[in-house]
Amino acid sequence: MKKPQALAGLAALAQENRLDTFRLLVHAGPDGMPAGEVAAALGLPPNTLTFHFDRLREAGLVTVRREGRSMIYAARYDTMNALLTYLTENCCGGQASCGPAECQPVRKRAKVPA
């Protein structure tokens, strides 16, 4: 990851609703969640959530696909892991053994923790 991509990701996450949205999608797993479920879980109006989804998508942190009439959003684990690696690549004098563990998504979507 290059600095401009890291800055875009960090800027997208530097807002409370977007951070909550992204964390919810990470928890949901690679299958993602319908936009309506995200809105209900976070108590956000759909038009506000659409704005936040757009910022996260522009930063490469989420993907979207259509299933019937639903828009399904999912976290991009590859981008998240690249951002974590970028942030910690100089940890411990650059020794590979001290970097962050990569997040491996779980296929089955679990209930959202309280």
N, C-alpha and C. Protein backbone atom coordinates (compact mmCIF):
# COMPACT_ATOMS: atom_id res chain seq x y z
N MET A 1 0.85 -1.17 0.00
CA MET A 1 0.00 0.00 0.00
C MET A 1 0.89 1.24 0.00
N LYS A 2 0.50 2.21 -0.76
CA LYS A 2 1.22 3.49 -0.83
C LYS A 2 0.55 4.50 0.10
N LYS A 3 1.29 5.56 0.40
CA LYS A 3 0.79 6.58 1.33
C LYS A 3 -0.57 7.16 0.91
N PRO A 4 -0.82 7.50 -0.37
CA PRO A 4 -2.13 8.06 -0.72
C PRO A 4 -3.30 7.11 -0.41
N GLN A 5 -3.11 5.81 -0.64
CA GLN A 5 -4.17 4.85 -0.32
C GLN A 5 -4.37 4.75 1.19
N ALA A 6 -3.27 4.78 1.94
CA ALA A 6 -3.37 4.73 3.40
C ALA A 6 -4.11 5.96 3.93
N LEU A 7 -3.77 7.12 3.39
CA LEU A 7 -4.45 8.35 3.82
C LEU A 7 -5.94 8.30 3.49
N ALA A 8 -6.29 7.78 2.32
CA ALA A 8 -7.71 7.67 1.95
C ALA A 8 -8.45 6.75 2.90
N GLY A 9 -7.84 5.63 3.24
CA GLY A 9 -8.48 4.69 4.17
C GLY A 9 -8.64 5.29 5.55
N LEU A 10 -7.59 5.91 6.04
CA LEU A 10 -7.67 6.52 7.37
C LEU A 10 -8.68 7.66 7.40
N ALA A 11 -8.72 8.47 6.34
CA ALA A 11 -9.69 9.57 6.29
C ALA A 11 -11.11 9.03 6.28
N ALA A 12 -11.34 7.96 5.54
CA ALA A 12 -12.69 7.38 5.48
C ALA A 12 -13.12 6.84 6.84
N LEU A 13 -12.18 6.30 7.60
CA LEU A 13 -12.51 5.71 8.90
C LEU A 13 -12.52 6.74 10.03
N ALA A 14 -12.09 7.96 9.74
CA ALA A 14 -11.98 8.99 10.78
C ALA A 14 -13.29 9.72 11.01
N GLN A 15 -14.37 8.98 11.01
CA GLN A 15 -15.70 9.53 11.28
C GLN A 15 -16.48 8.43 11.99
N GLU A 16 -17.17 8.77 13.04
CA GLU A 16 -17.80 7.79 13.92
C GLU A 16 -18.73 6.81 13.19
N ASN A 17 -19.64 7.32 12.37
CA ASN A 17 -20.60 6.44 11.69
C ASN A 17 -19.91 5.52 10.68
N ARG A 18 -18.90 6.04 9.98
CA ARG A 18 -18.19 5.20 9.01
C ARG A 18 -17.37 4.13 9.72
N LEU A 19 -16.74 4.49 10.82
CA LEU A 19 -15.99 3.49 11.58
C LEU A 19 -16.93 2.40 12.11
N ASP A 20 -18.07 2.79 12.65
CA ASP A 20 -19.05 1.81 13.13
C ASP A 20 -19.54 0.92 11.99
N THR A 21 -19.80 1.53 10.84
CA THR A 21 -20.27 0.78 9.67
C THR A 21 -19.22 -0.23 9.23
N PHE A 22 -17.97 0.21 9.13
CA PHE A 22 -16.91 -0.68 8.69
C PHE A 22 -16.72 -1.83 9.67
N ARG A 23 -16.70 -1.54 10.96
CA ARG A 23 -16.53 -2.59 11.97
C ARG A 23 -17.68 -3.59 11.92
N LEU A 24 -18.89 -3.12 11.69
CA LEU A 24 -20.04 -4.01 11.56
C LEU A 24 -19.87 -4.93 10.35
N LEU A 25 -19.41 -4.37 9.24
CA LEU A 25 -19.21 -5.17 8.03
C LEU A 25 -18.07 -6.17 8.21
N VAL A 26 -17.03 -5.80 8.92
CA VAL A 26 -15.95 -6.75 9.21
C VAL A 26 -16.52 -7.92 10.00
N HIS A 27 -17.34 -7.61 10.99
CA HIS A 27 -17.95 -8.65 11.82
C HIS A 27 -18.89 -9.53 10.99
N ALA A 28 -19.57 -8.95 10.02
CA ALA A 28 -20.55 -9.69 9.22
C ALA A 28 -19.89 -10.74 8.33
N GLY A 29 -18.62 -10.56 8.02
CA GLY A 29 -17.93 -11.54 7.18
C GLY A 29 -17.98 -11.18 5.71
N PRO A 30 -17.38 -12.02 4.88
CA PRO A 30 -17.24 -11.70 3.46
C PRO A 30 -18.54 -11.68 2.67
N ASP A 31 -19.60 -12.28 3.20
CA ASP A 31 -20.89 -12.23 2.50
C ASP A 31 -21.56 -10.88 2.64
N GLY A 32 -21.13 -10.10 3.63
CA GLY A 32 -21.66 -8.75 3.80
C GLY A 32 -23.03 -8.71 4.41
N MET A 33 -23.63 -7.52 4.31
CA MET A 33 -24.96 -7.28 4.87
C MET A 33 -25.75 -6.37 3.93
N PRO A 34 -27.05 -6.56 3.87
CA PRO A 34 -27.88 -5.61 3.12
C PRO A 34 -27.83 -4.23 3.79
N ALA A 35 -27.88 -3.21 2.98
CA ALA A 35 -27.81 -1.84 3.49
C ALA A 35 -28.89 -1.57 4.54
N GLY A 36 -30.08 -2.11 4.35
CA GLY A 36 -31.16 -1.90 5.30
C GLY A 36 -30.85 -2.48 6.68
N GLU A 37 -30.19 -3.63 6.71
CA GLU A 37 -29.80 -4.24 7.99
C GLU A 37 -28.73 -3.40 8.69
N VAL A 38 -27.80 -2.86 7.90
CA VAL A 38 -26.76 -2.00 8.48
C VAL A 38 -27.42 -0.76 9.08
N ALA A 39 -28.34 -0.15 8.32
CA ALA A 39 -29.03 1.05 8.80
C ALA A 39 -29.78 0.77 10.10
N ALA A 40 -30.48 -0.37 10.15
CA ALA A 40 -31.24 -0.72 11.35
C ALA A 40 -30.30 -0.99 12.53
N ALA A 41 -29.22 -1.70 12.29
CA ALA A 41 -28.29 -2.05 13.37
C ALA A 41 -27.63 -0.82 13.97
N LEU A 42 -27.38 0.18 13.13
CA LEU A 42 -26.68 1.37 13.61
C LEU A 42 -27.61 2.55 13.89
N GLY A 43 -28.89 2.40 13.55
CA GLY A 43 -29.84 3.48 13.79
C GLY A 43 -29.59 4.70 12.92
N LEU A 44 -29.17 4.46 11.68
CA LEU A 44 -28.87 5.57 10.75
C LEU A 44 -29.93 5.64 9.66
N PRO A 45 -30.30 6.85 9.24
CA PRO A 45 -31.22 6.98 8.11
C PRO A 45 -30.54 6.47 6.83
N PRO A 46 -31.30 5.84 5.94
CA PRO A 46 -30.71 5.28 4.71
C PRO A 46 -29.92 6.28 3.87
N ASN A 47 -30.42 7.52 3.73
CA ASN A 47 -29.69 8.49 2.91
C ASN A 47 -28.35 8.87 3.53
N THR A 48 -28.29 8.95 4.85
CA THR A 48 -27.03 9.22 5.54
C THR A 48 -26.08 8.06 5.36
N LEU A 49 -26.59 6.85 5.50
CA LEU A 49 -25.76 5.66 5.35
C LEU A 49 -25.20 5.55 3.94
N THR A 50 -25.99 5.89 2.93
CA THR A 50 -25.51 5.86 1.55
C THR A 50 -24.30 6.76 1.38
N PHE A 51 -24.33 7.94 1.97
CA PHE A 51 -23.19 8.86 1.93
C PHE A 51 -21.95 8.20 2.54
N HIS A 52 -22.12 7.56 3.70
CA HIS A 52 -20.99 6.92 4.38
C HIS A 52 -20.47 5.71 3.58
N PHE A 53 -21.39 4.92 3.03
CA PHE A 53 -20.96 3.80 2.18
C PHE A 53 -20.13 4.29 1.01
N ASP A 54 -20.54 5.38 0.40
CA ASP A 54 -19.79 5.93 -0.74
C ASP A 54 -18.37 6.30 -0.35
N ARG A 55 -18.18 6.91 0.82
CA ARG A 55 -16.84 7.28 1.26
C ARG A 55 -15.99 6.05 1.51
N LEU A 56 -16.57 5.03 2.13
CA LEU A 56 -15.84 3.79 2.39
C LEU A 56 -15.50 3.06 1.08
N ARG A 57 -16.42 3.08 0.14
CA ARG A 57 -16.18 2.43 -1.15
C ARG A 57 -15.09 3.16 -1.93
N GLU A 58 -15.13 4.49 -1.92
CA GLU A 58 -14.10 5.28 -2.62
C GLU A 58 -12.71 5.02 -2.05
N ALA A 59 -12.63 4.72 -0.76
CA ALA A 59 -11.35 4.42 -0.12
C ALA A 59 -10.93 2.96 -0.32
N GLY A 60 -11.78 2.18 -0.97
CA GLY A 60 -11.46 0.78 -1.21
C GLY A 60 -11.67 -0.13 -0.03
N LEU A 61 -12.41 0.33 0.97
CA LEU A 61 -12.62 -0.45 2.18
C LEU A 61 -13.85 -1.35 2.14
N VAL A 62 -14.79 -1.07 1.24
CA VAL A 62 -15.98 -1.91 1.11
C VAL A 62 -16.29 -2.14 -0.37
N THR A 63 -17.03 -3.22 -0.61
CA THR A 63 -17.56 -3.50 -1.94
C THR A 63 -19.08 -3.50 -1.84
N VAL A 64 -19.71 -3.39 -2.98
CA VAL A 64 -21.17 -3.44 -3.02
C VAL A 64 -21.59 -4.30 -4.20
N ARG A 65 -22.66 -5.06 -4.00
CA ARG A 65 -23.24 -5.86 -5.08
C ARG A 65 -24.76 -5.82 -4.93
N ARG A 66 -25.43 -6.00 -6.03
CA ARG A 66 -26.89 -6.01 -6.01
C ARG A 66 -27.37 -7.45 -5.97
N GLU A 67 -28.31 -7.71 -5.07
CA GLU A 67 -29.01 -8.99 -5.02
C GLU A 67 -30.49 -8.67 -5.03
N GLY A 68 -31.11 -8.84 -6.18
CA GLY A 68 -32.51 -8.46 -6.33
C GLY A 68 -32.65 -6.96 -6.15
N ARG A 69 -33.43 -6.56 -5.18
CA ARG A 69 -33.60 -5.13 -4.89
C ARG A 69 -32.68 -4.64 -3.79
N SER A 70 -31.90 -5.53 -3.22
CA SER A 70 -31.03 -5.16 -2.10
C SER A 70 -29.61 -4.85 -2.56
N MET A 71 -29.01 -3.89 -1.89
CA MET A 71 -27.59 -3.60 -2.07
C MET A 71 -26.87 -4.24 -0.89
N ILE A 72 -25.92 -5.11 -1.20
CA ILE A 72 -25.19 -5.85 -0.17
C ILE A 72 -23.79 -5.26 -0.08
N TYR A 73 -23.41 -4.81 1.10
CA TYR A 73 -22.09 -4.22 1.32
C TYR A 73 -21.25 -5.20 2.11
N ALA A 74 -19.97 -5.26 1.76
CA ALA A 74 -19.04 -6.15 2.46
C ALA A 74 -17.70 -5.45 2.63
N ALA A 75 -17.04 -5.75 3.75
CA ALA A 75 -15.70 -5.21 4.00
C ALA A 75 -14.70 -5.85 3.06
N ARG A 76 -13.71 -5.07 2.65
CA ARG A 76 -12.60 -5.60 1.85
C ARG A 76 -11.46 -5.90 2.81
N TYR A 77 -11.33 -7.15 3.15
CA TYR A 77 -10.30 -7.58 4.10
C TYR A 77 -8.90 -7.34 3.55
N ASP A 78 -8.73 -7.47 2.24
CA ASP A 78 -7.41 -7.25 1.66
C ASP A 78 -6.95 -5.82 1.88
N THR A 79 -7.85 -4.86 1.71
CA THR A 79 -7.50 -3.46 1.93
C THR A 79 -7.26 -3.18 3.41
N MET A 80 -8.10 -3.75 4.27
CA MET A 80 -7.93 -3.56 5.71
C MET A 80 -6.58 -4.11 6.15
N ASN A 81 -6.24 -5.31 5.71
CA ASN A 81 -4.96 -5.91 6.09
C ASN A 81 -3.78 -5.13 5.53
N ALA A 82 -3.92 -4.61 4.31
CA ALA A 82 -2.85 -3.80 3.73
C ALA A 82 -2.65 -2.51 4.54
N LEU A 83 -3.74 -1.92 5.00
CA LEU A 83 -3.65 -0.71 5.82
C LEU A 83 -2.97 -1.01 7.15
N LEU A 84 -3.35 -2.10 7.78
CA LEU A 84 -2.70 -2.49 9.05
C LEU A 84 -1.22 -2.76 8.84
N THR A 85 -0.88 -3.40 7.76
CA THR A 85 0.52 -3.67 7.45
C THR A 85 1.27 -2.36 7.23
N TYR A 86 0.68 -1.45 6.47
CA TYR A 86 1.31 -0.15 6.21
C TYR A 86 1.59 0.58 7.53
N LEU A 87 0.62 0.55 8.43
CA LEU A 87 0.76 1.27 9.70
C LEU A 87 1.81 0.66 10.62
N THR A 88 2.07 -0.61 10.45
CA THR A 88 2.98 -1.29 11.39
C THR A 88 4.25 -1.82 10.72
N GLU A 89 4.51 -1.45 9.48
CA GLU A 89 5.64 -2.04 8.78
C GLU A 89 6.99 -1.67 9.39
N ASN A 90 7.08 -0.62 10.15
CA ASN A 90 8.34 -0.25 10.80
C ASN A 90 8.39 -0.66 12.26
N CYS A 91 7.42 -1.42 12.69
CA CYS A 91 7.36 -1.90 14.06
C CYS A 91 8.58 -2.79 14.35
N CYS A 92 9.13 -2.68 15.53
CA CYS A 92 10.26 -3.53 15.96
C CYS A 92 11.43 -3.45 15.00
N GLY A 93 11.71 -2.27 14.48
CA GLY A 93 12.84 -2.10 13.58
C GLY A 93 12.67 -2.79 12.25
N GLY A 94 11.41 -3.02 11.83
CA GLY A 94 11.14 -3.63 10.53
C GLY A 94 11.19 -5.15 10.53
N GLN A 95 11.29 -5.78 11.69
CA GLN A 95 11.30 -7.24 11.75
C GLN A 95 9.91 -7.77 11.46
N ALA A 96 9.82 -8.71 10.54
CA ALA A 96 8.53 -9.25 10.11
C ALA A 96 7.77 -9.94 11.24
N SER A 97 8.48 -10.45 12.23
CA SER A 97 7.84 -11.23 13.28
C SER A 97 6.94 -10.40 14.19
N CYS A 98 7.03 -9.10 14.14
CA CYS A 98 6.26 -8.31 15.09
C CYS A 98 5.06 -7.63 14.47
N GLY A 99 4.83 -7.78 13.18
CA GLY A 99 3.71 -7.13 12.50
C GLY A 99 2.37 -7.69 12.93
N PRO A 100 1.28 -7.07 12.47
CA PRO A 100 -0.05 -7.52 12.87
C PRO A 100 -0.43 -8.83 12.19
N ALA A 101 -1.25 -9.59 12.86
CA ALA A 101 -1.79 -10.80 12.25
C ALA A 101 -2.85 -10.38 11.23
N GLU A 102 -2.90 -11.08 10.13
CA GLU A 102 -3.93 -10.76 9.13
C GLU A 102 -5.28 -11.26 9.61
N CYS A 103 -6.29 -10.48 9.34
CA CYS A 103 -7.65 -10.86 9.66
C CYS A 103 -8.16 -11.79 8.57
N GLN A 104 -8.61 -12.95 8.96
CA GLN A 104 -9.21 -13.89 8.03
C GLN A 104 -10.71 -13.91 8.29
N PRO A 105 -11.51 -13.50 7.30
CA PRO A 105 -12.95 -13.42 7.53
C PRO A 105 -13.58 -14.79 7.76
N VAL A 106 -14.61 -14.79 8.55
CA VAL A 106 -15.40 -15.99 8.81
C VAL A 106 -16.54 -16.00 7.81
N ARG A 107 -16.77 -17.13 7.18
CA ARG A 107 -17.81 -17.23 6.16
C ARG A 107 -19.22 -17.06 6.72
N LYS A 108 -19.51 -17.65 7.84
CA LYS A 108 -20.85 -17.61 8.39
C LYS A 108 -21.04 -16.32 9.16
N ARG A 109 -22.06 -15.56 8.81
CA ARG A 109 -22.32 -14.31 9.50
C ARG A 109 -22.93 -14.60 10.85
N ALA A 110 -22.31 -14.06 11.88
CA ALA A 110 -22.77 -14.25 13.25
C ALA A 110 -23.60 -13.05 13.68
N LYS A 111 -24.27 -13.19 14.79
CA LYS A 111 -25.00 -12.05 15.36
C LYS A 111 -24.02 -10.97 15.73
N VAL A 112 -24.46 -9.74 15.56
CA VAL A 112 -23.64 -8.59 15.89
C VAL A 112 -23.53 -8.47 17.40
N PRO A 113 -22.27 -8.32 17.91
CA PRO A 113 -22.12 -8.18 19.37
C PRO A 113 -22.72 -6.88 19.87
N ALA A 114 -23.19 -6.90 21.08
CA ALA A 114 -23.79 -5.68 21.66
C ALA A 114 -22.75 -4.67 22.02
